Amino acid sequence: MEQSSMEKIKKIAALLNLNQPYSKIAASVSVSKSTVSKYANQIKASGLTYTEIEKTDSAVLEELLCSHIDAKYREIDTDHVITQLANVKYATRQLLYEAYKASDPSSACSYPTFCRQIDKAMKAKAPKEVYTNLERVPGGSMEIDFAGELINWVDKHGKSRKSKLFVATMTFSQKMFACAFDDEKQHSWMQGIVKALEFFGGIPKTLIVDNARSLVMSHKQSRIDYSPILTNLCEYYRINTFACRPRSPKGKNRVENSVLHFYRHVIAPLSMQGPIRAFDLSDLNEQILEKVRQFNERPFTKNRQSSREIEFAAHEKKALASLPILAFEVGSWKYLKVDKGHCIRLTEDCGHRYSVPASHVGKRVSVLKTAENVFIYDIETAVCIGKHKRLLEASGQKTHILPEHLTAKEKHQRLSKDEWAQELIDCGYNESTVVNVLEIKWESDQMNARRFCSCLRRLAKIGSIRLANEALGVALEQKFLSYSFIENFVNMRKKELLMGLDNSDKDQDYRTVEHENIRNNYS
């Protein structure tokens, strides 16, 4: 010990002799209370009184205190203790320490020291942990997982929402894909896998999955039972499946690492300016995908000349199998009855109605609802009788009829201006008159224009086309394109013909068409 330490010990001994508290002694000597306590214990262990400590020479005092400090406790037979703990049932460290102390209590160490020595010996005997270097083959595998933390964001209505994050990683290049979903159900897992394969542009040899209940039904040592929908998806893409051991995240360490990178390089930048805002879930995924692309192009930390995107394009892209022409469809089935408007209604999709052929009115049909489409099948023949794009908007058009499902009446109701013009010309109307009339009618109101055309066609069938054509020409000339005007004009001409009159007669006052806008005041 240094001379100054001996002087401090003497001063501490003098103050202890005066029964001063440790706090005052520490302040007087300029040391901590724990130091005062340590020196007090050393003095007590030396067997000297406080007065003797004050009178003892510093060199002699140093020798006395150091000899006591250098004294060691009795050696512990650590091998015997470890063997007893392993082989004797219910043996504890406390029992073994009491047995060790009973032989010679004066030379025994404290219980904490005993435990530290046992832990040190056990650690020395334990085999060194050696990590396995896994072989990463380009295009060999893709790891998938759902991140534990939710993504908080605000939609177009200002409503706070929480979404689950699906992450997929190619194990060789470590290229990452991420997509947000409303839940972590089986449907979301399948959609995430399909979108990941389309993002990478190919199919790896093996799909490494988590032990989620949506994917793995049972995981035994002898065999693994996967869910039927995952089996169907892997058979469709011709991809092998491998499930990690339960509670073993190291089995898919690439995707676990990607989740951490995602929160650091995608969610954190999006959240820097406040809450994440998106129009809807699709808009949120577009924002996520843009940040994911930037991260994949980011250089590696230890290899600035390369990145995930470069490694993928150079080595992994060409090793992937080609995707099928049509993506795997994930959906739910249900039976519905066709209404009188030859449509089925999906109440859960804001009441949107989708058409089927009119021959199925009143019958039950099978409906497959996927994320993008609605497929309708005949129950008896299992033939697809309708494929519609699935719509979820709460407002706007709710009835969606395919052109091939239109009835004859519906087709006529939906004829265009040119189609109606050709149909009236085929009935015998003058071409130039019809074109001019429909041009005027279509600009004002298309629905009433189609009704007007339907009435003209019926008039030509039940009456004389010559009189109907003449009436249409007069209506155009007088710019009064009302069907009631045309019908009254035709009826008046019929009376004239019965009376033997024609257009060559000079006195035409009696031919005035009865109409509320004509007052018949000739005075």
Foldseek 3Di string as FASTA:
>chain_A
DDLLVLVLLLQLLVVVVVVDDLVVSCVVSVHDSVVSVVSVVLCVQLVDHSVVSNVDDSVVVVVSSVVSVPDAADDDPLVVVVVCVVPPPPDDLVVVLVVVCVVPVVRRDDSVVSVVVNVVVVVVPDDDDDDDDDDQAFLAEKEKDKDPDWAWAAAPVRDIATWIKIKMARVPLLQIAIATDRDDALQVVQVSVLVVCVVLQFHGQEYEYECDCSFWVDDDPVDTHTDPVNVVQCVLRVHHYDYDDPPDCVVVVSRVVVVVVLCVQQSVVCPVVHGRYANDRVRVSVSSRVSSVVQQQQADPVGRVDGSVRCCVPGHSVVGHGGDPDTDFDWDKDKFAQAQVQWTFDVVLLTATEHFANVRHGHIWMWTDTPFWIWIARPPPRHTRDIGTDHRDNDDDRYDYDPVRDDPVRVLQPDDLVRLLVVLVVLPADNVLSNVLSVVVCVPDVNVSSVLSVVLSVCSVVHPPVLLNVLSVVCVVVVNSDVVSSVQLSVLVVVCVVVVHDPVDDPCLVSDRDDPVDDSDPD
